[in-house]
């Protein structure tokens, strides 16, 4: 089996059995390969173990259930996600989101861990690719606000945080989004466009408004977040941009936002 086929089958199997007990040996057997082969390839391409990816996807699914099904108890959702107890589910949920399930139900966050996609075929050289947070649903809203400001942010030096722990890196991403959400006005929309790149579509065409939002975010730069009793400083690159008055295609908008972030570093 070629590597792309192996990864495709692995990702498909995980999604199909996401709410069931899942072990790497089981996935490898379904993909007709050894556990070590699957683990090495998955880690090489996506820079995380299969088990960690399963937990992130499962907890993203759980967060969506909490938000969209208020009639279900936390225990109901825990059981639906393959956990036998409220305590085990809550412990895992908090390790990913840094908040309890009940808090997520009141104040939901974006789906931070969408399903991974296959990397582009570059011969034997594979690079990590994570499907960006889907902003296509916001495109119509953008068209009605095409003279409004975007606030774009990127995490400074995420790699050293990931070297501490991948979970610490996950928490840095959650914290960055929370900082942007806290600085946003009532009608501003915060969304993710990449691994650690974020945008806010404001509801204002006034540059002074965008500057004020940026100042609120920047004021938190250097403040630490707490991971396992360790304080880790976190700062964001911050910039603002307006897309030209003609309405661009979605791919042009997406490229413009990424270019604005690169230019501010």
C-alpha atoms as a PDB file:
ATOM      1  CA  UNK A   1       0.000   0.000   0.000  1.00  0.00           C
ATOM      2  CA  UNK A   2       1.304   3.442  -0.916  1.00  0.00           C
ATOM      3  CA  UNK A   3       1.703   6.002   1.865  1.00  0.00           C
ATOM      4  CA  UNK A   4      -1.128   8.299   0.693  1.00  0.00           C
ATOM      5  CA  UNK A   5      -3.515   5.329   0.618  1.00  0.00           C
ATOM      6  CA  UNK A   6      -2.415   4.292   4.091  1.00  0.00           C
ATOM      7  CA  UNK A   7      -3.010   7.773   5.510  1.00  0.00           C
ATOM      8  CA  UNK A   8      -6.349   8.124   3.739  1.00  0.00           C
ATOM      9  CA  UNK A   9      -7.552   4.793   5.124  1.00  0.00           C
ATOM     10  CA  UNK A  10      -6.286   5.693   8.596  1.00  0.00           C
ATOM     11  CA  UNK A  11      -8.083   9.053   8.683  1.00  0.00           C
ATOM     12  CA  UNK A  12     -11.271   7.519   7.319  1.00  0.00           C
ATOM     13  CA  UNK A  13     -11.211   4.682   9.860  1.00  0.00           C
ATOM     14  CA  UNK A  14     -10.715   7.115  12.745  1.00  0.00           C
ATOM     15  CA  UNK A  15     -13.682   9.261  11.674  1.00  0.00           C
ATOM     16  CA  UNK A  16     -15.899   6.225  11.173  1.00  0.00           C
ATOM     17  CA  UNK A  17     -15.086   4.839  14.638  1.00  0.00           C
ATOM     18  CA  UNK A  18     -14.517   8.114  16.477  1.00  0.00           C
ATOM     19  CA  UNK A  19     -17.004   7.418  19.261  1.00  0.00           C
ATOM     20  CA  UNK A  20     -15.835   3.836  19.774  1.00  0.00           C
ATOM     21  CA  UNK A  21     -12.806   2.539  21.697  1.00  0.00           C
ATOM     22  CA  UNK A  22      -9.857   3.083  19.354  1.00  0.00           C
ATOM     23  CA  UNK A  23      -6.305   1.772  19.592  1.00  0.00           C
ATOM     24  CA  UNK A  24      -3.449   2.246  17.159  1.00  0.00           C
ATOM     25  CA  UNK A  25      -3.062  -1.525  16.779  1.00  0.00           C
ATOM     26  CA  UNK A  26      -6.698  -1.767  15.714  1.00  0.00           C
ATOM     27  CA  UNK A  27      -6.332   1.029  13.156  1.00  0.00           C
ATOM     28  CA  UNK A  28      -3.112  -0.444  11.799  1.00  0.00           C
ATOM     29  CA  UNK A  29      -4.759  -3.833  11.370  1.00  0.00           C
ATOM     30  CA  UNK A  30      -7.660  -2.239   9.480  1.00  0.00           C
ATOM     31  CA  UNK A  31      -5.117  -0.507   7.234  1.00  0.00           C
ATOM     32  CA  UNK A  32      -3.123  -3.717   6.683  1.00  0.00           C
ATOM     33  CA  UNK A  33       0.118  -2.389   8.128  1.00  0.00           C
ATOM     34  CA  UNK A  34       2.111  -2.629  11.330  1.00  0.00           C
ATOM     35  CA  UNK A  35       1.546  -0.338  14.279  1.00  0.00           C
ATOM     36  CA  UNK A  36       5.094   1.025  14.046  1.00  0.00           C
ATOM     37  CA  UNK A  37       4.723   1.813  10.340  1.00  0.00           C
ATOM     38  CA  UNK A  38       1.491   3.708  10.924  1.00  0.00           C
ATOM     39  CA  UNK A  39       2.833   5.595  13.936  1.00  0.00           C
ATOM     40  CA  UNK A  40       6.056   6.638  12.181  1.00  0.00           C
ATOM     41  CA  UNK A  41       4.285   7.803   9.029  1.00  0.00           C
ATOM     42  CA  UNK A  42       1.530   9.635  10.891  1.00  0.00           C
ATOM     43  CA  UNK A  43       3.973  11.418  13.187  1.00  0.00           C
ATOM     44  CA  UNK A  44       6.250  12.317  10.273  1.00  0.00           C
ATOM     45  CA  UNK A  45       3.460  13.828   8.179  1.00  0.00           C
ATOM     46  CA  UNK A  46       1.302  15.444  10.880  1.00  0.00           C
ATOM     47  CA  UNK A  47       3.806  15.927  13.723  1.00  0.00           C
ATOM     48  CA  UNK A  48       1.690  14.235  16.355  1.00  0.00           C
ATOM     49  CA  UNK A  49       0.896  10.664  17.445  1.00  0.00           C
ATOM     50  CA  UNK A  50      -2.223   8.889  16.227  1.00  0.00           C
ATOM     51  CA  UNK A  51      -3.528   8.685  19.787  1.00  0.00           C
ATOM     52  CA  UNK A  52      -3.242  12.456  20.325  1.00  0.00           C
ATOM     53  CA  UNK A  53      -5.085  13.133  17.079  1.00  0.00           C
ATOM     54  CA  UNK A  54      -7.917  10.811  18.125  1.00  0.00           C
ATOM     55  CA  UNK A  55      -8.293  12.623  21.452  1.00  0.00           C
ATOM     56  CA  UNK A  56      -8.385  16.047  19.773  1.00  0.00           C
ATOM     57  CA  UNK A  57     -10.958  14.971  17.214  1.00  0.00           C
ATOM     58  CA  UNK A  58     -13.061  13.235  19.859  1.00  0.00           C
ATOM     59  CA  UNK A  59     -13.050  16.283  22.126  1.00  0.00           C
ATOM     60  CA  UNK A  60     -13.914  18.556  19.199  1.00  0.00           C
ATOM     61  CA  UNK A  61     -16.873  16.280  18.487  1.00  0.00           C
ATOM     62  CA  UNK A  62     -17.806  16.395  22.167  1.00  0.00           C
ATOM     63  CA  UNK A  63     -17.663  20.208  22.199  1.00  0.00           C
ATOM     64  CA  UNK A  64     -20.048  20.334  19.241  1.00  0.00           C
ATOM     65  CA  UNK A  65     -22.456  17.955  20.992  1.00  0.00           C
ATOM     66  CA  UNK A  66     -22.398  20.073  24.143  1.00  0.00           C
ATOM     67  CA  UNK A  67     -23.274  23.182  22.174  1.00  0.00           C
ATOM     68  CA  UNK A  68     -25.893  21.766  19.812  1.00  0.00           C
ATOM     69  CA  UNK A  69     -27.610  19.328  22.196  1.00  0.00           C
ATOM     70  CA  UNK A  70     -28.371  21.106  25.482  1.00  0.00           C
ATOM     71  CA  UNK A  71     -30.899  18.392  26.281  1.00  0.00           C
ATOM     72  CA  UNK A  72     -28.080  15.861  26.706  1.00  0.00           C
ATOM     73  CA  UNK A  73     -26.261  15.617  30.016  1.00  0.00           C
ATOM     74  CA  UNK A  74     -22.473  15.635  30.212  1.00  0.00           C
ATOM     75  CA  UNK A  75     -22.626  11.941  31.118  1.00  0.00           C
ATOM     76  CA  UNK A  76     -24.775  11.239  28.028  1.00  0.00           C
ATOM     77  CA  UNK A  77     -22.141  12.869  25.836  1.00  0.00           C
ATOM     78  CA  UNK A  78     -19.301  11.162  27.696  1.00  0.00           C
ATOM     79  CA  UNK A  79     -20.871   7.768  26.988  1.00  0.00           C
ATOM     80  CA  UNK A  80     -21.562   8.730  23.386  1.00  0.00           C
ATOM     81  CA  UNK A  81     -17.889   9.622  22.959  1.00  0.00           C
ATOM     82  CA  UNK A  82     -16.687   6.289  24.317  1.00  0.00           C
ATOM     83  CA  UNK A  83     -15.988   7.198  27.965  1.00  0.00           C
ATOM     84  CA  UNK A  84     -17.343   5.075  30.790  1.00  0.00           C
ATOM     85  CA  UNK A  85     -17.457   7.824  33.418  1.00  0.00           C
ATOM     86  CA  UNK A  86     -18.141  11.517  33.811  1.00  0.00           C
ATOM     87  CA  UNK A  87     -14.783  11.956  35.574  1.00  0.00           C
ATOM     88  CA  UNK A  88     -12.628  10.376  32.844  1.00  0.00           C
ATOM     89  CA  UNK A  89     -14.396  12.357  30.131  1.00  0.00           C
ATOM     90  CA  UNK A  90     -14.121  15.661  32.010  1.00  0.00           C
ATOM     91  CA  UNK A  91     -10.427  15.090  32.717  1.00  0.00           C
ATOM     92  CA  UNK A  92      -9.673  14.485  29.027  1.00  0.00           C
ATOM     93  CA  UNK A  93     -11.925  17.325  27.901  1.00  0.00           C
ATOM     94  CA  UNK A  94     -10.189  19.773  30.208  1.00  0.00           C
ATOM     95  CA  UNK A  95      -6.738  18.645  29.037  1.00  0.00           C
ATOM     96  CA  UNK A  96      -7.674  19.720  25.494  1.00  0.00           C
ATOM     97  CA  UNK A  97      -9.868  22.783  26.087  1.00  0.00           C
ATOM     98  CA  UNK A  98      -8.626  24.001  29.496  1.00  0.00           C
ATOM     99  CA  UNK A  99     -12.224  24.277  30.636  1.00  0.00           C
ATOM    100  CA  UNK A 100     -14.916  21.953  31.908  1.00  0.00           C
ATOM    101  CA  UNK A 101     -17.669  20.622  29.629  1.00  0.00           C
ATOM    102  CA  UNK A 102     -20.278  22.755  31.426  1.00  0.00           C
ATOM    103  CA  UNK A 103     -18.247  25.898  30.661  1.00  0.00           C
ATOM    104  CA  UNK A 104     -17.940  24.962  26.998  1.00  0.00           C
ATOM    105  CA  UNK A 105     -21.710  24.542  26.785  1.00  0.00           C
ATOM    106  CA  UNK A 106     -22.204  28.149  27.948  1.00  0.00           C
ATOM    107  CA  UNK A 107     -19.379  29.647  25.894  1.00  0.00           C
ATOM    108  CA  UNK A 108     -18.533  27.459  22.891  1.00  0.00           C
ATOM    109  CA  UNK A 109     -15.262  27.848  21.003  1.00  0.00           C
ATOM    110  CA  UNK A 110     -14.547  27.175  17.323  1.00  0.00           C
ATOM    111  CA  UNK A 111     -13.777  23.649  16.169  1.00  0.00           C
ATOM    112  CA  UNK A 112     -10.019  23.804  16.639  1.00  0.00           C
ATOM    113  CA  UNK A 113      -9.216  20.338  15.365  1.00  0.00           C
ATOM    114  CA  UNK A 114     -10.990  19.693  12.070  1.00  0.00           C
ATOM    115  CA  UNK A 115     -10.365  16.448  10.285  1.00  0.00           C
ATOM    116  CA  UNK A 116      -6.877  16.256   8.821  1.00  0.00           C
ATOM    117  CA  UNK A 117      -6.490  16.024   5.073  1.00  0.00           C
ATOM    118  CA  UNK A 118      -3.851  14.313   2.976  1.00  0.00           C
ATOM    119  CA  UNK A 119      -0.740  16.366   2.246  1.00  0.00           C
ATOM    120  CA  UNK A 120       0.041  17.198  -1.374  1.00  0.00           C
ATOM    121  CA  UNK A 121       2.039  14.578  -3.198  1.00  0.00           C
ATOM    122  CA  UNK A 122       5.626  15.810  -3.450  1.00  0.00           C
ATOM    123  CA  UNK A 123       7.259  12.507  -4.311  1.00  0.00           C
ATOM    124  CA  UNK A 124       8.624  11.079  -1.081  1.00  0.00           C
ATOM    125  CA  UNK A 125       8.642  14.457   0.679  1.00  0.00           C
ATOM    126  CA  UNK A 126       5.531  14.941   2.771  1.00  0.00           C
ATOM    127  CA  UNK A 127       4.702  18.146   4.557  1.00  0.00           C
ATOM    128  CA  UNK A 128       2.199  18.693   7.324  1.00  0.00           C
ATOM    129  CA  UNK A 129      -1.125  20.099   6.230  1.00  0.00           C
ATOM    130  CA  UNK A 130      -4.095  20.884   8.408  1.00  0.00           C
ATOM    131  CA  UNK A 131      -7.342  21.882   6.767  1.00  0.00           C
ATOM    132  CA  UNK A 132      -7.833  25.543   7.675  1.00  0.00           C
ATOM    133  CA  UNK A 133     -10.840  26.533   9.706  1.00  0.00           C
ATOM    134  CA  UNK A 134     -13.622  26.776   7.146  1.00  0.00           C
ATOM    135  CA  UNK A 135     -14.409  30.432   6.470  1.00  0.00           C
ATOM    136  CA  UNK A 136     -16.531  29.773   3.388  1.00  0.00           C
ATOM    137  CA  UNK A 137     -19.664  30.109   5.527  1.00  0.00           C
ATOM    138  CA  UNK A 138     -18.520  33.636   6.426  1.00  0.00           C
ATOM    139  CA  UNK A 139     -18.005  34.678   2.830  1.00  0.00           C
ATOM    140  CA  UNK A 140     -21.504  36.074   2.370  1.00  0.00           C
ATOM    141  CA  UNK A 141     -21.096  38.067   5.562  1.00  0.00           C
ATOM    142  CA  UNK A 142     -17.790  39.416   4.279  1.00  0.00           C
ATOM    143  CA  UNK A 143     -19.423  40.552   1.059  1.00  0.00           C
ATOM    144  CA  UNK A 144     -21.791  42.686   3.111  1.00  0.00           C
ATOM    145  CA  UNK A 145     -18.807  44.112   5.037  1.00  0.00           C
ATOM    146  CA  UNK A 146     -16.206  44.439   2.307  1.00  0.00           C
ATOM    147  CA  UNK A 147     -15.171  47.902   3.539  1.00  0.00           C
ATOM    148  CA  UNK A 148     -14.726  46.684   7.123  1.00  0.00           C
ATOM    149  CA  UNK A 149     -11.383  45.954   8.779  1.00  0.00           C
ATOM    150  CA  UNK A 150      -9.834  42.555   9.389  1.00  0.00           C
ATOM    151  CA  UNK A 151      -7.644  42.043  12.459  1.00  0.00           C
ATOM    152  CA  UNK A 152      -5.115  39.257  11.780  1.00  0.00           C
ATOM    153  CA  UNK A 153      -3.066  37.474  14.437  1.00  0.00           C
ATOM    154  CA  UNK A 154      -0.442  34.749  14.632  1.00  0.00           C
ATOM    155  CA  UNK A 155       1.192  33.181  17.692  1.00  0.00           C
ATOM    156  CA  UNK A 156       4.792  34.240  18.285  1.00  0.00           C
ATOM    157  CA  UNK A 157       7.199  31.319  18.686  1.00  0.00           C
ATOM    158  CA  UNK A 158       4.697  28.468  18.930  1.00  0.00           C
ATOM    159  CA  UNK A 159       7.354  25.815  18.222  1.00  0.00           C
ATOM    160  CA  UNK A 160       9.104  26.206  21.625  1.00  0.00           C
ATOM    161  CA  UNK A 161       5.716  25.837  23.323  1.00  0.00           C
ATOM    162  CA  UNK A 162       5.008  22.660  21.359  1.00  0.00           C
ATOM    163  CA  UNK A 163       8.427  21.379  22.440  1.00  0.00           C
ATOM    164  CA  UNK A 164       7.235  21.611  26.036  1.00  0.00           C
ATOM    165  CA  UNK A 165       4.160  19.580  25.094  1.00  0.00           C
ATOM    166  CA  UNK A 166       1.732  19.348  22.200  1.00  0.00           C
ATOM    167  CA  UNK A 167      -1.050  19.903  24.732  1.00  0.00           C
ATOM    168  CA  UNK A 168       0.642  23.113  25.840  1.00  0.00           C
ATOM    169  CA  UNK A 169       0.648  24.184  22.192  1.00  0.00           C
ATOM    170  CA  UNK A 170      -3.047  23.343  21.931  1.00  0.00           C
ATOM    171  CA  UNK A 171      -3.756  25.471  24.980  1.00  0.00           C
ATOM    172  CA  UNK A 172      -1.759  28.350  23.457  1.00  0.00           C
ATOM    173  CA  UNK A 173      -4.094  28.212  20.425  1.00  0.00           C
ATOM    174  CA  UNK A 174      -7.191  28.207  22.635  1.00  0.00           C
ATOM    175  CA  UNK A 175      -5.794  31.120  24.668  1.00  0.00           C
ATOM    176  CA  UNK A 176      -5.011  33.144  21.529  1.00  0.00           C
ATOM    177  CA  UNK A 177      -8.560  32.733  20.265  1.00  0.00           C
ATOM    178  CA  UNK A 178      -9.961  33.683  23.663  1.00  0.00           C
ATOM    179  CA  UNK A 179      -7.885  36.873  23.696  1.00  0.00           C
ATOM    180  CA  UNK A 180      -9.249  37.859  20.310  1.00  0.00           C
ATOM    181  CA  UNK A 181     -12.795  37.005  21.318  1.00  0.00           C
ATOM    182  CA  UNK A 182     -12.466  39.066  24.493  1.00  0.00           C
ATOM    183  CA  UNK A 183     -11.272  42.061  22.460  1.00  0.00           C
ATOM    184  CA  UNK A 184     -13.984  41.706  19.803  1.00  0.00           C
ATOM    185  CA  UNK A 185     -17.116  43.809  19.693  1.00  0.00           C
ATOM    186  CA  UNK A 186     -20.562  42.280  19.798  1.00  0.00           C
ATOM    187  CA  UNK A 187     -20.850  42.033  16.004  1.00  0.00           C
ATOM    188  CA  UNK A 188     -17.221  41.120  15.267  1.00  0.00           C
ATOM    189  CA  UNK A 189     -16.519  37.563  14.104  1.00  0.00           C
ATOM    190  CA  UNK A 190     -13.361  35.652  15.116  1.00  0.00           C
ATOM    191  CA  UNK A 191     -12.269  32.639  13.082  1.00  0.00           C
ATOM    192  CA  UNK A 192      -9.233  30.482  12.459  1.00  0.00           C
ATOM    193  CA  UNK A 193      -7.527  30.354   9.063  1.00  0.00           C
ATOM    194  CA  UNK A 194      -4.550  28.117   9.812  1.00  0.00           C
ATOM    195  CA  UNK A 195      -2.683  26.162  12.459  1.00  0.00           C
ATOM    196  CA  UNK A 196      -1.974  29.195  14.654  1.00  0.00           C
ATOM    197  CA  UNK A 197      -3.297  32.002  12.450  1.00  0.00           C
ATOM    198  CA  UNK A 198      -6.530  33.805  13.246  1.00  0.00           C
ATOM    199  CA  UNK A 199      -8.658  36.639  11.891  1.00  0.00           C
ATOM    200  CA  UNK A 200     -11.372  38.895  13.184  1.00  0.00           C
ATOM    201  CA  UNK A 201     -13.859  40.359  10.729  1.00  0.00           C
ATOM    202  CA  UNK A 202     -14.955  43.584  12.389  1.00  0.00           C
ATOM    203  CA  UNK A 203     -18.246  45.344  11.842  1.00  0.00           C
ATOM    204  CA  UNK A 204     -16.582  48.725  11.328  1.00  0.00           C
ATOM    205  CA  UNK A 205     -14.940  50.579   8.455  1.00  0.00           C
ATOM    206  CA  UNK A 206     -13.346  53.044  10.893  1.00  0.00           C
ATOM    207  CA  UNK A 207      -9.599  52.577  11.250  1.00  0.00           C
ATOM    208  CA  UNK A 208      -9.744  53.950  14.786  1.00  0.00           C
ATOM    209  CA  UNK A 209     -12.010  51.054  15.744  1.00  0.00           C
ATOM    210  CA  UNK A 210      -9.553  48.506  14.348  1.00  0.00           C
ATOM    211  CA  UNK A 211      -6.687  50.217  16.167  1.00  0.00           C
ATOM    212  CA  UNK A 212      -8.587  50.078  19.457  1.00  0.00           C
ATOM    213  CA  UNK A 213      -9.242  46.344  19.053  1.00  0.00           C
ATOM    214  CA  UNK A 214      -5.581  45.730  18.235  1.00  0.00           C
ATOM    215  CA  UNK A 215      -4.524  47.639  21.345  1.00  0.00           C
ATOM    216  CA  UNK A 216      -6.754  45.428  23.505  1.00  0.00           C
ATOM    217  CA  UNK A 217      -5.130  42.297  22.092  1.00  0.00           C
ATOM    218  CA  UNK A 218      -1.617  43.719  22.246  1.00  0.00           C
ATOM    219  CA  UNK A 219      -2.092  44.707  25.887  1.00  0.00           C
ATOM    220  CA  UNK A 220      -2.175  40.979  26.724  1.00  0.00           C
ATOM    221  CA  UNK A 221       1.083  40.165  24.948  1.00  0.00           C
ATOM    222  CA  UNK A 222       3.582  38.593  27.304  1.00  0.00           C
ATOM    223  CA  UNK A 223       0.910  37.505  29.757  1.00  0.00           C
ATOM    224  CA  UNK A 224       1.302  33.802  30.563  1.00  0.00           C
ATOM    225  CA  UNK A 225      -1.198  30.992  30.417  1.00  0.00           C
ATOM    226  CA  UNK A 226      -0.986  28.168  32.909  1.00  0.00           C
ATOM    227  CA  UNK A 227      -0.318  24.596  31.829  1.00  0.00           C
ATOM    228  CA  UNK A 228       0.203  21.927  34.492  1.00  0.00           C
ATOM    229  CA  UNK A 229       1.190  24.533  37.103  1.00  0.00           C
ATOM    230  CA  UNK A 230       3.691  26.088  34.705  1.00  0.00           C
ATOM    231  CA  UNK A 231       3.307  29.648  33.444  1.00  0.00           C
ATOM    232  CA  UNK A 232       4.122  30.029  29.742  1.00  0.00           C
ATOM    233  CA  UNK A 233       4.306  33.548  28.241  1.00  0.00           C
ATOM    234  CA  UNK A 234       2.224  34.075  25.113  1.00  0.00           C
ATOM    235  CA  UNK A 235       2.378  36.890  22.570  1.00  0.00           C
ATOM    236  CA  UNK A 236       0.692  37.444  19.214  1.00  0.00           C
ATOM    237  CA  UNK A 237       1.732  39.138  16.023  1.00  0.00           C
ATOM    238  CA  UNK A 238      -1.086  41.572  15.232  1.00  0.00           C
ATOM    239  CA  UNK A 239      -1.959  43.495  12.084  1.00  0.00           C
ATOM    240  CA  UNK A 240      -4.977  44.963  10.339  1.00  0.00           C
ATOM    241  CA  UNK A 241      -5.981  44.980   6.697  1.00  0.00           C
ATOM    242  CA  UNK A 242      -8.748  45.983   4.344  1.00  0.00           C
ATOM    243  CA  UNK A 243      -9.419  43.942   1.240  1.00  0.00           C
ATOM    244  CA  UNK A 244      -9.805  46.016  -1.967  1.00  0.00           C
ATOM    245  CA  UNK A 245     -13.309  47.332  -2.542  1.00  0.00           C
ATOM    246  CA  UNK A 246     -14.043  44.918  -5.383  1.00  0.00           C
ATOM    247  CA  UNK A 247     -15.272  41.643  -3.921  1.00  0.00           C
ATOM    248  CA  UNK A 248     -12.495  39.029  -4.364  1.00  0.00           C
ATOM    249  CA  UNK A 249     -12.917  35.352  -4.839  1.00  0.00           C
ATOM    250  CA  UNK A 250     -12.687  33.241  -1.706  1.00  0.00           C
ATOM    251  CA  UNK A 251      -9.171  32.004  -2.518  1.00  0.00           C
ATOM    252  CA  UNK A 252      -7.979  35.579  -3.101  1.00  0.00           C
ATOM    253  CA  UNK A 253      -9.406  36.692   0.235  1.00  0.00           C
ATOM    254  CA  UNK A 254      -7.771  33.781   2.005  1.00  0.00           C
ATOM    255  CA  UNK A 255      -4.389  34.558   0.401  1.00  0.00           C
ATOM    256  CA  UNK A 256      -4.684  38.262   1.271  1.00  0.00           C
ATOM    257  CA  UNK A 257      -5.288  37.464   4.931  1.00  0.00           C
ATOM    258  CA  UNK A 258      -2.280  35.139   5.122  1.00  0.00           C
ATOM    259  CA  UNK A 259      -0.076  37.656   3.333  1.00  0.00           C
ATOM    260  CA  UNK A 260      -1.063  40.346   5.837  1.00  0.00           C
ATOM    261  CA  UNK A 261       0.044  38.109   8.685  1.00  0.00           C
ATOM    262  CA  UNK A 262       3.374  37.280   7.035  1.00  0.00           C
ATOM    263  CA  UNK A 263       4.065  40.961   6.371  1.00  0.00           C
ATOM    264  CA  UNK A 264       3.701  41.914  10.051  1.00  0.00           C
ATOM    265  CA  UNK A 265       6.340  39.456  11.307  1.00  0.00           C
END
